[in-house]
Amino acid sequence: MPFLSNRLFFKRLPILVAIIAGAYGCNSNTSSEQTAEQAPAALVKSADFNADSALQFVQKQVDFGARVPNSAPHKACGDYLVATLKKYGWEATEQPFNATTYDGTKLNARNIIGSFNPKASKRILLAAHWDSRPFSDQDSLVKNKPVLAANDGASGVGVLLEVARVLSKEAQKPDIGVDIIFFDAEDWGSSDSGDNGIEYSGFCLGSKHWAANKHNPGYTAYFGVLLDMVGAKGATFFKEGYSMQMAGDVVRQVWTTASRLGYSNYFIDEAGGAITDDHVPVNKVARIPMIDIIHTNQHNLSKTFFDQWHTSHDTMENIDPKTLKAVGQTLIQVLYQEAQDQPL
């Protein structure tokens, strides 16, 4: 099928409901007839997600500069992420690895893992990539300049750092295990979608490494949620294609939660294109059903992602706390529902 971007955004196609999701043991195993007869689970009381705090976490990352692997800002930001997780009482694990990019560059990279309530048997995995793209290949003028990546990277990390802070401060902590992975070396891929001989077109190096070499060899999770580009003004999150194929029940749970919280203007109840992102190796190799919350312009095929994607203009002025709130509060609610075994 034809590619519309370097993240392999396929032509929009109707996606069959729950193609593979049942194989991963997600929540909904009832028939559609039975489900229709059941009253929806009540929204349990959850903690509040602070959008201003999340915005500060995004700003802090951008203040380091472009977090391109092998650079000083990259190392400094990684140290900050580890220290912040520890500050909030999370177990922090660093997973250093070496990777070779599609253009032959050798990277010294590290995935960063934080664990909340590490002894809990039921675990939810949350993830985002924390590196910046080394070149602004979609920019009309400065194509060789590294991307500051306020949205494409820092926004997802900022949301997850706020989730970490919120869970650590709650007097009544949810009785569930949560793991956060900040994947490295996600964004050093080829912009030429015709490079079919390169796995994932050279993207997703950190998630690919983790999926094959989990930080705990026996690690598993009930399901996972990946955040990518979740801070732009007026963001729209369609039901990404691979997520529907491999974890459809999780997609429906998250989108239903968002709708009941009043965020259906962000979480659009429509099928989206299939996008190669960090959730793909997690699904295919680690065998954990993970979905992708990712901003796409589904009805504007000339602009697959947000307007500043892979340009020098992916900066803080384009980040909206309202979007961070919609995503972060939805995640918090999903965690609290799962803690009380009342998924929607």
C-alpha atoms as a PDB file:
ATOM      1  CA  MET A   1       0.000   0.000   0.000  1.00  0.00           C
ATOM      2  CA  PRO A   2       1.232   3.551  -0.662  1.00  0.00           C
ATOM      3  CA  PHE A   3       2.960   5.434   2.109  1.00  0.00           C
ATOM      4  CA  LEU A   4       1.934   8.988   2.941  1.00  0.00           C
ATOM      5  CA  SER A   5       4.707   9.716   5.462  1.00  0.00           C
ATOM      6  CA  ASN A   6       7.839   8.266   6.984  1.00  0.00           C
ATOM      7  CA  ARG A   7       5.777   6.805   9.847  1.00  0.00           C
ATOM      8  CA  LEU A   8       3.952   4.640   7.303  1.00  0.00           C
ATOM      9  CA  PHE A   9       0.552   6.269   7.430  1.00  0.00           C
ATOM     10  CA  PHE A  10      -1.511   3.955   5.260  1.00  0.00           C
ATOM     11  CA  LYS A  11      -4.589   4.821   3.225  1.00  0.00           C
ATOM     12  CA  ARG A  12      -7.658   4.971   5.377  1.00  0.00           C
ATOM     13  CA  LEU A  13      -9.489   1.673   5.337  1.00  0.00           C
ATOM     14  CA  PRO A  14     -12.431   0.384   7.350  1.00  0.00           C
ATOM     15  CA  ILE A  15     -11.014  -1.661  10.203  1.00  0.00           C
ATOM     16  CA  LEU A  16     -12.805  -4.761  11.406  1.00  0.00           C
ATOM     17  CA  VAL A  17     -13.684  -4.677  15.076  1.00  0.00           C
ATOM     18  CA  ALA A  18     -11.517  -6.791  17.390  1.00  0.00           C
ATOM     19  CA  ILE A  19      -9.459  -8.669  14.795  1.00  0.00           C
ATOM     20  CA  ILE A  20      -6.781  -9.950  17.155  1.00  0.00           C
ATOM     21  CA  ALA A  21      -7.530  -8.254  20.470  1.00  0.00           C
ATOM     22  CA  GLY A  22      -9.086 -11.314  22.093  1.00  0.00           C
ATOM     23  CA  ALA A  23      -5.822 -13.237  21.761  1.00  0.00           C
ATOM     24  CA  TYR A  24      -4.179 -10.883  24.229  1.00  0.00           C
ATOM     25  CA  GLY A  25      -6.704 -11.462  27.014  1.00  0.00           C
ATOM     26  CA  CYS A  26      -8.114  -7.938  27.303  1.00  0.00           C
ATOM     27  CA  ASN A  27     -11.202  -7.065  29.249  1.00  0.00           C
ATOM     28  CA  SER A  28     -14.222  -7.518  26.964  1.00  0.00           C
ATOM     29  CA  ASN A  29     -14.972 -11.131  26.179  1.00  0.00           C
ATOM     30  CA  THR A  30     -18.757 -10.787  26.118  1.00  0.00           C
ATOM     31  CA  SER A  31     -20.762 -10.761  22.929  1.00  0.00           C
ATOM     32  CA  SER A  32     -22.034  -7.499  21.503  1.00  0.00           C
ATOM     33  CA  GLU A  33     -25.572  -8.498  22.461  1.00  0.00           C
ATOM     34  CA  GLN A  34     -24.589  -9.097  26.084  1.00  0.00           C
ATOM     35  CA  THR A  35     -22.581  -5.899  26.236  1.00  0.00           C
ATOM     36  CA  ALA A  36     -25.491  -3.864  24.918  1.00  0.00           C
ATOM     37  CA  GLU A  37     -27.696  -5.089  27.751  1.00  0.00           C
ATOM     38  CA  GLN A  38     -25.212  -4.154  30.467  1.00  0.00           C
ATOM     39  CA  ALA A  39     -25.207  -0.740  32.076  1.00  0.00           C
ATOM     40  CA  PRO A  40     -21.848   1.026  31.676  1.00  0.00           C
ATOM     41  CA  ALA A  41     -19.565   0.959  34.675  1.00  0.00           C
ATOM     42  CA  ALA A  42     -19.733   4.066  36.825  1.00  0.00           C
ATOM     43  CA  LEU A  43     -16.852   6.522  36.683  1.00  0.00           C
ATOM     44  CA  VAL A  44     -14.908   5.958  39.883  1.00  0.00           C
ATOM     45  CA  LYS A  45     -13.464   8.936  41.704  1.00  0.00           C
ATOM     46  CA  SER A  46      -9.976   9.616  40.401  1.00  0.00           C
ATOM     47  CA  ALA A  47      -7.197  12.094  41.060  1.00  0.00           C
ATOM     48  CA  ASP A  48      -6.992  15.365  39.172  1.00  0.00           C
ATOM     49  CA  PHE A  49      -4.427  15.796  36.421  1.00  0.00           C
ATOM     50  CA  ASN A  50      -2.772  19.223  36.600  1.00  0.00           C
ATOM     51  CA  ALA A  51      -2.281  20.574  33.079  1.00  0.00           C
ATOM     52  CA  ASP A  52      -0.102  23.481  34.225  1.00  0.00           C
ATOM     53  CA  SER A  53       2.266  21.068  35.943  1.00  0.00           C
ATOM     54  CA  ALA A  54       2.407  18.918  32.819  1.00  0.00           C
ATOM     55  CA  LEU A  55       3.165  22.009  30.751  1.00  0.00           C
ATOM     56  CA  GLN A  56       6.102  22.785  33.043  1.00  0.00           C
ATOM     57  CA  PHE A  57       7.438  19.270  32.493  1.00  0.00           C
ATOM     58  CA  VAL A  58       7.263  19.833  28.733  1.00  0.00           C
ATOM     59  CA  GLN A  59       9.003  23.198  29.077  1.00  0.00           C
ATOM     60  CA  LYS A  60      11.786  21.707  31.201  1.00  0.00           C
ATOM     61  CA  GLN A  61      12.667  19.203  28.492  1.00  0.00           C
ATOM     62  CA  VAL A  62      12.675  21.842  25.767  1.00  0.00           C
ATOM     63  CA  ASP A  63      14.891  24.036  27.933  1.00  0.00           C
ATOM     64  CA  PHE A  64      17.648  21.425  27.607  1.00  0.00           C
ATOM     65  CA  GLY A  65      17.571  21.957  23.847  1.00  0.00           C
ATOM     66  CA  ALA A  66      17.099  19.287  21.194  1.00  0.00           C
ATOM     67  CA  ARG A  67      17.506  15.886  22.907  1.00  0.00           C
ATOM     68  CA  VAL A  68      19.338  14.230  20.032  1.00  0.00           C
ATOM     69  CA  PRO A  69      21.158  11.015  21.028  1.00  0.00           C
ATOM     70  CA  ASN A  70      24.939  11.434  21.561  1.00  0.00           C
ATOM     71  CA  SER A  71      24.473  15.116  22.504  1.00  0.00           C
ATOM     72  CA  ALA A  72      24.952  16.925  25.826  1.00  0.00           C
ATOM     73  CA  PRO A  73      21.281  18.057  26.017  1.00  0.00           C
ATOM     74  CA  HIS A  74      20.220  14.447  25.498  1.00  0.00           C
ATOM     75  CA  LYS A  75      22.343  13.221  28.401  1.00  0.00           C
ATOM     76  CA  ALA A  76      21.243  16.058  30.683  1.00  0.00           C
ATOM     77  CA  CYS A  77      17.574  15.495  29.947  1.00  0.00           C
ATOM     78  CA  GLY A  78      17.884  11.754  30.500  1.00  0.00           C
ATOM     79  CA  ASP A  79      19.479  12.366  33.887  1.00  0.00           C
ATOM     80  CA  TYR A  80      16.613  14.740  34.708  1.00  0.00           C
ATOM     81  CA  LEU A  81      13.992  12.127  33.814  1.00  0.00           C
ATOM     82  CA  VAL A  82      15.634   9.527  36.045  1.00  0.00           C
ATOM     83  CA  ALA A  83      15.952  11.997  38.917  1.00  0.00           C
ATOM     84  CA  THR A  84      12.328  13.123  38.566  1.00  0.00           C
ATOM     85  CA  LEU A  85      10.977   9.579  38.696  1.00  0.00           C
ATOM     86  CA  LYS A  86      13.035   8.920  41.825  1.00  0.00           C
ATOM     87  CA  LYS A  87      11.891  12.223  43.346  1.00  0.00           C
ATOM     88  CA  TYR A  88       8.310  10.986  43.174  1.00  0.00           C
ATOM     89  CA  GLY A  89       9.170   7.648  44.734  1.00  0.00           C
ATOM     90  CA  TRP A  90       9.119   5.535  41.599  1.00  0.00           C
ATOM     91  CA  GLU A  91      11.652   2.774  41.047  1.00  0.00           C
ATOM     92  CA  ALA A  92      13.855   3.987  38.206  1.00  0.00           C
ATOM     93  CA  THR A  93      15.738   1.657  35.879  1.00  0.00           C
ATOM     94  CA  GLU A  94      18.064   2.729  33.095  1.00  0.00           C
ATOM     95  CA  GLN A  95      18.524   0.462  30.111  1.00  0.00           C
ATOM     96  CA  PRO A  96      21.541   1.613  28.097  1.00  0.00           C
ATOM     97  CA  PHE A  97      21.932   0.205  24.597  1.00  0.00           C
ATOM     98  CA  ASN A  98      23.840   0.834  21.418  1.00  0.00           C
ATOM     99  CA  ALA A  99      22.019   1.240  18.147  1.00  0.00           C
ATOM    100  CA  THR A 100      22.905   1.907  14.543  1.00  0.00           C
ATOM    101  CA  THR A 101      20.632   4.218  12.576  1.00  0.00           C
ATOM    102  CA  TYR A 102      19.478   3.754   8.999  1.00  0.00           C
ATOM    103  CA  ASP A 103      22.264   6.129   7.879  1.00  0.00           C
ATOM    104  CA  GLY A 104      24.964   4.258   9.800  1.00  0.00           C
ATOM    105  CA  THR A 105      25.267   6.551  12.828  1.00  0.00           C
ATOM    106  CA  LYS A 106      26.228   4.770  16.049  1.00  0.00           C
ATOM    107  CA  LEU A 107      24.070   5.850  19.002  1.00  0.00           C
ATOM    108  CA  ASN A 108      24.644   5.591  22.717  1.00  0.00           C
ATOM    109  CA  ALA A 109      21.054   5.456  23.901  1.00  0.00           C
ATOM    110  CA  ARG A 110      19.065   4.512  26.991  1.00  0.00           C
ATOM    111  CA  ASN A 111      15.504   3.592  27.732  1.00  0.00           C
ATOM    112  CA  ILE A 112      14.294   4.887  31.100  1.00  0.00           C
ATOM    113  CA  ILE A 113      11.753   2.878  33.083  1.00  0.00           C
ATOM    114  CA  GLY A 114       9.813   3.992  36.135  1.00  0.00           C
ATOM    115  CA  SER A 115       7.747   1.603  38.263  1.00  0.00           C
ATOM    116  CA  PHE A 116       4.924   2.485  40.658  1.00  0.00           C
ATOM    117  CA  ASN A 117       3.773  -0.129  43.174  1.00  0.00           C
ATOM    118  CA  PRO A 118       6.339  -2.586  41.766  1.00  0.00           C
ATOM    119  CA  LYS A 119       5.023  -5.607  43.683  1.00  0.00           C
ATOM    120  CA  ALA A 120       1.508  -5.372  42.262  1.00  0.00           C
ATOM    121  CA  SER A 121       0.672  -8.250  39.933  1.00  0.00           C
ATOM    122  CA  LYS A 122      -1.735  -6.305  37.717  1.00  0.00           C
ATOM    123  CA  ARG A 123       0.289  -3.754  35.753  1.00  0.00           C
ATOM    124  CA  ILE A 124      -0.460  -1.097  33.151  1.00  0.00           C
ATOM    125  CA  LEU A 125       2.317   0.113  30.845  1.00  0.00           C
ATOM    126  CA  LEU A 126       2.503   3.756  29.728  1.00  0.00           C
ATOM    127  CA  ALA A 127       5.110   5.003  27.276  1.00  0.00           C
ATOM    128  CA  ALA A 128       6.412   7.904  25.187  1.00  0.00           C
ATOM    129  CA  HIS A 129       9.662   8.611  23.357  1.00  0.00           C
ATOM    130  CA  TRP A 130      11.978  11.215  24.850  1.00  0.00           C
ATOM    131  CA  ASP A 131      14.511  11.837  22.088  1.00  0.00           C
ATOM    132  CA  SER A 132      14.408  14.580  19.441  1.00  0.00           C
ATOM    133  CA  ARG A 133      14.753  14.178  15.685  1.00  0.00           C
ATOM    134  CA  PRO A 134      18.245  15.219  14.537  1.00  0.00           C
ATOM    135  CA  PHE A 135      17.040  17.031  11.416  1.00  0.00           C
ATOM    136  CA  SER A 136      14.024  19.150  10.417  1.00  0.00           C
ATOM    137  CA  ASP A 137      13.439  17.346   7.139  1.00  0.00           C
ATOM    138  CA  GLN A 138       9.868  18.684   6.793  1.00  0.00           C
ATOM    139  CA  ASP A 139      11.014  22.298   7.202  1.00  0.00           C
ATOM    140  CA  SER A 140      10.957  24.519   4.140  1.00  0.00           C
ATOM    141  CA  LEU A 141      14.195  26.316   5.077  1.00  0.00           C
ATOM    142  CA  VAL A 142      16.387  24.746   7.782  1.00  0.00           C
ATOM    143  CA  LYS A 143      16.288  21.023   7.091  1.00  0.00           C
ATOM    144  CA  ASN A 144      19.546  20.218   8.894  1.00  0.00           C
ATOM    145  CA  LYS A 145      18.546  21.811  12.207  1.00  0.00           C
ATOM    146  CA  PRO A 146      17.605  19.461  15.089  1.00  0.00           C
ATOM    147  CA  VAL A 147      13.959  19.531  16.157  1.00  0.00           C
ATOM    148  CA  LEU A 148      13.210  20.977  19.614  1.00  0.00           C
ATOM    149  CA  ALA A 149      10.363  18.470  19.746  1.00  0.00           C
ATOM    150  CA  ALA A 150       8.014  20.192  22.168  1.00  0.00           C
ATOM    151  CA  ASN A 151       5.132  18.143  20.796  1.00  0.00           C
ATOM    152  CA  ASP A 152       6.836  15.218  19.052  1.00  0.00           C
ATOM    153  CA  GLY A 153       8.374  13.752  22.161  1.00  0.00           C
ATOM    154  CA  ALA A 154       8.249  16.178  25.090  1.00  0.00           C
ATOM    155  CA  SER A 155       4.449  16.417  25.273  1.00  0.00           C
ATOM    156  CA  GLY A 156       3.978  12.697  25.889  1.00  0.00           C
ATOM    157  CA  VAL A 157       6.823  12.614  28.403  1.00  0.00           C
ATOM    158  CA  GLY A 158       5.382  15.675  30.170  1.00  0.00           C
ATOM    159  CA  VAL A 159       1.983  14.006  30.512  1.00  0.00           C
ATOM    160  CA  LEU A 160       3.571  10.857  31.934  1.00  0.00           C
ATOM    161  CA  LEU A 161       5.740  12.777  34.403  1.00  0.00           C
ATOM    162  CA  GLU A 162       2.583  14.464  35.670  1.00  0.00           C
ATOM    163  CA  VAL A 163       0.902  11.053  35.975  1.00  0.00           C
ATOM    164  CA  ALA A 164       3.922   9.948  38.029  1.00  0.00           C
ATOM    165  CA  ARG A 165       3.650  13.030  40.244  1.00  0.00           C
ATOM    166  CA  VAL A 166      -0.106  12.647  40.742  1.00  0.00           C
ATOM    167  CA  LEU A 167       0.076   8.982  41.714  1.00  0.00           C
ATOM    168  CA  SER A 168       2.894   9.665  44.172  1.00  0.00           C
ATOM    169  CA  LYS A 169       0.941  12.436  45.938  1.00  0.00           C
ATOM    170  CA  GLU A 170      -2.371  10.657  46.362  1.00  0.00           C
ATOM    171  CA  ALA A 171      -3.255   9.712  49.935  1.00  0.00           C
ATOM    172  CA  GLN A 172      -5.332   6.809  48.628  1.00  0.00           C
ATOM    173  CA  LYS A 173      -3.086   5.419  45.937  1.00  0.00           C
ATOM    174  CA  PRO A 174      -4.740   3.178  43.348  1.00  0.00           C
ATOM    175  CA  ASP A 175      -4.110  -0.496  44.039  1.00  0.00           C
ATOM    176  CA  ILE A 176      -2.479  -1.222  40.715  1.00  0.00           C
ATOM    177  CA  GLY A 177       1.008  -1.388  39.259  1.00  0.00           C
ATOM    178  CA  VAL A 178       2.014   1.210  36.687  1.00  0.00           C
ATOM    179  CA  ASP A 179       5.175   1.254  34.608  1.00  0.00           C
ATOM    180  CA  ILE A 180       6.333   4.203  32.526  1.00  0.00           C
ATOM    181  CA  ILE A 181       8.871   3.693  29.764  1.00  0.00           C
ATOM    182  CA  PHE A 182      10.578   6.612  28.079  1.00  0.00           C
ATOM    183  CA  PHE A 183      11.809   5.079  24.844  1.00  0.00           C
ATOM    184  CA  ASP A 184      14.984   6.495  23.327  1.00  0.00           C
ATOM    185  CA  ALA A 185      16.124   6.696  19.688  1.00  0.00           C
ATOM    186  CA  GLU A 186      12.611   6.619  18.281  1.00  0.00           C
ATOM    187  CA  ASP A 187      12.940   9.512  15.876  1.00  0.00           C
ATOM    188  CA  TRP A 188      16.147   8.882  13.901  1.00  0.00           C
ATOM    189  CA  GLY A 189      14.417   7.168  11.000  1.00  0.00           C
ATOM    190  CA  SER A 190      14.386   7.614   7.254  1.00  0.00           C
ATOM    191  CA  SER A 191      12.073  10.213   5.740  1.00  0.00           C
ATOM    192  CA  ASP A 192      11.972   8.135   2.552  1.00  0.00           C
ATOM    193  CA  SER A 193       8.958   5.875   2.911  1.00  0.00           C
ATOM    194  CA  GLY A 194      10.300   3.784   0.053  1.00  0.00           C
ATOM    195  CA  ASP A 195      13.069   2.305   2.245  1.00  0.00           C
ATOM    196  CA  ASN A 196      11.179  -0.980   2.528  1.00  0.00           C
ATOM    197  CA  GLY A 197      14.309  -2.931   3.371  1.00  0.00           C
ATOM    198  CA  ILE A 198      14.725  -1.098   6.701  1.00  0.00           C
ATOM    199  CA  GLU A 199      12.640  -2.387   9.586  1.00  0.00           C
ATOM    200  CA  TYR A 200      10.232   0.330  10.752  1.00  0.00           C
ATOM    201  CA  SER A 201      12.040   2.646   8.267  1.00  0.00           C
ATOM    202  CA  GLY A 202      14.720   3.092  10.923  1.00  0.00           C
ATOM    203  CA  PHE A 203      12.352   4.427  13.591  1.00  0.00           C
ATOM    204  CA  CYS A 204      11.514   2.861  16.974  1.00  0.00           C
ATOM    205  CA  LEU A 205      15.035   1.734  17.913  1.00  0.00           C
ATOM    206  CA  GLY A 206      14.445   2.058  21.669  1.00  0.00           C
ATOM    207  CA  SER A 207      11.134   0.225  21.771  1.00  0.00           C
ATOM    208  CA  LYS A 208      12.521  -2.422  19.449  1.00  0.00           C
ATOM    209  CA  HIS A 209      15.411  -2.985  21.849  1.00  0.00           C
ATOM    210  CA  TRP A 210      13.201  -3.062  24.956  1.00  0.00           C
ATOM    211  CA  ALA A 211      10.655  -5.418  23.396  1.00  0.00           C
ATOM    212  CA  ALA A 212      13.409  -7.958  22.730  1.00  0.00           C
ATOM    213  CA  ASN A 213      15.274  -7.275  26.006  1.00  0.00           C
ATOM    214  CA  LYS A 214      12.774  -6.365  28.709  1.00  0.00           C
ATOM    215  CA  HIS A 215      14.216  -4.632  31.766  1.00  0.00           C
ATOM    216  CA  ASN A 216      12.792  -7.551  33.771  1.00  0.00           C
ATOM    217  CA  PRO A 217      12.938 -10.737  31.669  1.00  0.00           C
ATOM    218  CA  GLY A 218       9.539 -11.964  32.836  1.00  0.00           C
ATOM    219  CA  TYR A 219       7.840  -8.601  32.653  1.00  0.00           C
ATOM    220  CA  THR A 220       4.316  -8.375  31.329  1.00  0.00           C
ATOM    221  CA  ALA A 221       1.439  -5.937  31.555  1.00  0.00           C
ATOM    222  CA  TYR A 222      -2.331  -6.151  31.261  1.00  0.00           C
ATOM    223  CA  PHE A 223      -2.147  -3.598  28.467  1.00  0.00           C
ATOM    224  CA  GLY A 224      -0.193  -0.527  27.409  1.00  0.00           C
ATOM    225  CA  VAL A 225      -0.805   3.019  26.147  1.00  0.00           C
ATOM    226  CA  LEU A 226       1.713   4.929  24.042  1.00  0.00           C
ATOM    227  CA  LEU A 227       1.579   8.723  23.783  1.00  0.00           C
ATOM    228  CA  ASP A 228       3.012  10.508  20.753  1.00  0.00           C
ATOM    229  CA  MET A 229       2.393  14.135  19.811  1.00  0.00           C
ATOM    230  CA  VAL A 230      -0.285  14.788  22.443  1.00  0.00           C
ATOM    231  CA  GLY A 231       0.102  18.513  23.148  1.00  0.00           C
ATOM    232  CA  ALA A 232      -0.839  20.564  20.090  1.00  0.00           C
ATOM    233  CA  LYS A 233      -3.717  23.010  19.954  1.00  0.00           C
ATOM    234  CA  GLY A 234      -6.852  21.392  18.594  1.00  0.00           C
ATOM    235  CA  ALA A 235      -5.276  17.938  18.466  1.00  0.00           C
ATOM    236  CA  THR A 236      -7.344  15.064  17.090  1.00  0.00           C
ATOM    237  CA  PHE A 237      -6.737  11.454  18.111  1.00  0.00           C
ATOM    238  CA  PHE A 238      -8.298   8.929  15.770  1.00  0.00           C
ATOM    239  CA  LYS A 239      -8.418   5.187  16.481  1.00  0.00           C
ATOM    240  CA  GLU A 240      -5.035   4.215  15.051  1.00  0.00           C
ATOM    241  CA  GLY A 241      -5.072   1.187  12.755  1.00  0.00           C
ATOM    242  CA  TYR A 242      -2.485  -1.107  14.348  1.00  0.00           C
ATOM    243  CA  SER A 243      -3.963  -0.365  17.775  1.00  0.00           C
ATOM    244  CA  MET A 244      -7.373  -1.501  16.569  1.00  0.00           C
ATOM    245  CA  GLN A 245      -5.924  -4.633  14.998  1.00  0.00           C
ATOM    246  CA  MET A 246      -3.828  -5.690  17.980  1.00  0.00           C
ATOM    247  CA  ALA A 247      -5.564  -4.153  21.016  1.00  0.00           C
ATOM    248  CA  GLY A 248      -9.029  -3.083  19.913  1.00  0.00           C
ATOM    249  CA  ASP A 249     -10.623  -3.584  23.330  1.00  0.00           C
ATOM    250  CA  VAL A 250      -8.105  -1.203  24.878  1.00  0.00           C
ATOM    251  CA  VAL A 251      -8.801   1.431  22.214  1.00  0.00           C
ATOM    252  CA  ARG A 252     -12.520   1.244  22.899  1.00  0.00           C
ATOM    253  CA  GLN A 253     -11.973   1.455  26.644  1.00  0.00           C
ATOM    254  CA  VAL A 254      -9.761   4.541  26.402  1.00  0.00           C
ATOM    255  CA  TRP A 255     -11.947   6.341  23.849  1.00  0.00           C
ATOM    256  CA  THR A 256     -15.096   5.574  25.860  1.00  0.00           C
ATOM    257  CA  THR A 257     -13.427   6.927  28.992  1.00  0.00           C
ATOM    258  CA  ALA A 258     -12.386  10.098  27.177  1.00  0.00           C
ATOM    259  CA  SER A 259     -15.904  10.585  25.837  1.00  0.00           C
ATOM    260  CA  ARG A 260     -17.497  10.192  29.262  1.00  0.00           C
ATOM    261  CA  LEU A 261     -15.063  12.762  30.638  1.00  0.00           C
ATOM    262  CA  GLY A 262     -16.112  15.223  27.939  1.00  0.00           C
ATOM    263  CA  TYR A 263     -13.086  14.907  25.633  1.00  0.00           C
ATOM    264  CA  SER A 264     -14.715  13.487  22.514  1.00  0.00           C
ATOM    265  CA  ASN A 265     -13.612  16.569  20.568  1.00  0.00           C
ATOM    266  CA  TYR A 266     -10.037  15.276  21.009  1.00  0.00           C
ATOM    267  CA  PHE A 267     -10.637  11.505  20.973  1.00  0.00           C
ATOM    268  CA  ILE A 268     -12.485  11.104  17.682  1.00  0.00           C
ATOM    269  CA  ASP A 269     -14.691   8.037  17.345  1.00  0.00           C
ATOM    270  CA  GLU A 270     -13.440   7.192  13.857  1.00  0.00           C
ATOM    271  CA  ALA A 271     -10.945   4.722  12.434  1.00  0.00           C
ATOM    272  CA  GLY A 272      -7.551   6.180  11.614  1.00  0.00           C
ATOM    273  CA  GLY A 273      -4.641   5.075   9.489  1.00  0.00           C
ATOM    274  CA  ALA A 274      -2.080   2.493  10.613  1.00  0.00           C
ATOM    275  CA  ILE A 275       1.070   4.218  11.856  1.00  0.00           C
ATOM    276  CA  THR A 276       4.391   2.563  12.589  1.00  0.00           C
ATOM    277  CA  ASP A 277       5.283   3.764  16.098  1.00  0.00           C
ATOM    278  CA  ASP A 278       6.740   2.406  19.331  1.00  0.00           C
ATOM    279  CA  HIS A 279       3.627   0.341  20.091  1.00  0.00           C
ATOM    280  CA  VAL A 280       4.259  -1.948  17.134  1.00  0.00           C
ATOM    281  CA  PRO A 281       7.326  -3.814  18.481  1.00  0.00           C
ATOM    282  CA  VAL A 282       5.715  -3.881  21.941  1.00  0.00           C
ATOM    283  CA  ASN A 283       2.739  -5.697  20.433  1.00  0.00           C
ATOM    284  CA  LYS A 284       4.606  -7.909  18.014  1.00  0.00           C
ATOM    285  CA  VAL A 285       7.703  -8.816  20.023  1.00  0.00           C
ATOM    286  CA  ALA A 286       6.903  -8.214  23.689  1.00  0.00           C
ATOM    287  CA  ARG A 287       3.341  -9.537  23.146  1.00  0.00           C
ATOM    288  CA  ILE A 288       1.786  -6.786  25.255  1.00  0.00           C
ATOM    289  CA  PRO A 289      -1.374  -5.227  23.760  1.00  0.00           C
ATOM    290  CA  MET A 290      -0.434  -1.549  23.466  1.00  0.00           C
ATOM    291  CA  ILE A 291      -2.352   1.230  21.738  1.00  0.00           C
ATOM    292  CA  ASP A 292      -1.136   4.530  20.318  1.00  0.00           C
ATOM    293  CA  ILE A 293      -2.704   7.888  21.165  1.00  0.00           C
ATOM    294  CA  ILE A 294      -1.259   9.985  18.358  1.00  0.00           C
ATOM    295  CA  HIS A 295      -2.294  13.244  16.705  1.00  0.00           C
ATOM    296  CA  THR A 296      -3.263  12.805  13.063  1.00  0.00           C
ATOM    297  CA  ASN A 297      -5.122  15.036  10.633  1.00  0.00           C
ATOM    298  CA  GLN A 298      -7.303  12.266   9.336  1.00  0.00           C
ATOM    299  CA  HIS A 299      -9.312  14.476   6.982  1.00  0.00           C
ATOM    300  CA  ASN A 300      -6.328  16.392   5.585  1.00  0.00           C
ATOM    301  CA  LEU A 301      -4.084  13.939   3.798  1.00  0.00           C
ATOM    302  CA  SER A 302      -1.682  16.705   2.734  1.00  0.00           C
ATOM    303  CA  LYS A 303      -0.788  17.113   6.438  1.00  0.00           C
ATOM    304  CA  THR A 304      -0.734  13.729   8.101  1.00  0.00           C
ATOM    305  CA  PHE A 305       0.386  15.037  11.492  1.00  0.00           C
ATOM    306  CA  PHE A 306       0.368  18.396  13.248  1.00  0.00           C
ATOM    307  CA  ASP A 307       1.491  21.428  11.235  1.00  0.00           C
ATOM    308  CA  GLN A 308       4.932  21.768  12.866  1.00  0.00           C
ATOM    309  CA  TRP A 309       5.823  18.064  12.623  1.00  0.00           C
ATOM    310  CA  HIS A 310       9.551  17.473  11.964  1.00  0.00           C
ATOM    311  CA  THR A 311      10.223  21.192  11.523  1.00  0.00           C
ATOM    312  CA  SER A 312      12.116  23.838  13.480  1.00  0.00           C
ATOM    313  CA  HIS A 313       8.734  25.199  14.612  1.00  0.00           C
ATOM    314  CA  ASP A 314       7.871  22.306  16.936  1.00  0.00           C
ATOM    315  CA  THR A 315       8.217  24.660  19.909  1.00  0.00           C
ATOM    316  CA  MET A 316       6.430  25.576  23.128  1.00  0.00           C
ATOM    317  CA  GLU A 317       4.076  28.215  21.695  1.00  0.00           C
ATOM    318  CA  ASN A 318       2.201  25.425  19.933  1.00  0.00           C
ATOM    319  CA  ILE A 319       1.558  23.402  23.103  1.00  0.00           C
ATOM    320  CA  ASP A 320      -1.915  23.721  24.649  1.00  0.00           C
ATOM    321  CA  PRO A 321      -2.523  22.788  28.311  1.00  0.00           C
ATOM    322  CA  LYS A 322      -6.105  21.855  27.374  1.00  0.00           C
ATOM    323  CA  THR A 323      -4.836  19.077  25.139  1.00  0.00           C
ATOM    324  CA  LEU A 324      -2.438  17.841  27.815  1.00  0.00           C
ATOM    325  CA  LYS A 325      -5.353  17.828  30.265  1.00  0.00           C
ATOM    326  CA  ALA A 326      -7.604  15.804  27.954  1.00  0.00           C
ATOM    327  CA  VAL A 327      -4.974  13.110  27.486  1.00  0.00           C
ATOM    328  CA  GLY A 328      -3.660  13.084  31.056  1.00  0.00           C
ATOM    329  CA  GLN A 329      -7.038  13.043  32.770  1.00  0.00           C
ATOM    330  CA  THR A 330      -8.197  10.242  30.505  1.00  0.00           C
ATOM    331  CA  LEU A 331      -5.134   8.178  31.447  1.00  0.00           C
ATOM    332  CA  ILE A 332      -5.636   8.836  35.155  1.00  0.00           C
ATOM    333  CA  GLN A 333      -9.279   7.764  34.909  1.00  0.00           C
ATOM    334  CA  VAL A 334      -8.351   4.581  33.024  1.00  0.00           C
ATOM    335  CA  LEU A 335      -5.862   3.667  35.774  1.00  0.00           C
ATOM    336  CA  TYR A 336      -8.388   4.233  38.550  1.00  0.00           C
ATOM    337  CA  GLN A 337     -11.064   2.236  36.709  1.00  0.00           C
ATOM    338  CA  GLU A 338      -8.630  -0.642  36.313  1.00  0.00           C
ATOM    339  CA  ALA A 339      -7.585  -0.450  39.960  1.00  0.00           C
ATOM    340  CA  GLN A 340     -11.189  -1.082  40.952  1.00  0.00           C
ATOM    341  CA  ASP A 341     -11.720  -3.657  38.199  1.00  0.00           C
ATOM    342  CA  GLN A 342     -14.338  -1.467  36.543  1.00  0.00           C
ATOM    343  CA  PRO A 343     -13.102  -0.831  33.020  1.00  0.00           C
ATOM    344  CA  LEU A 344     -15.629   1.023  30.888  1.00  0.00           C
END
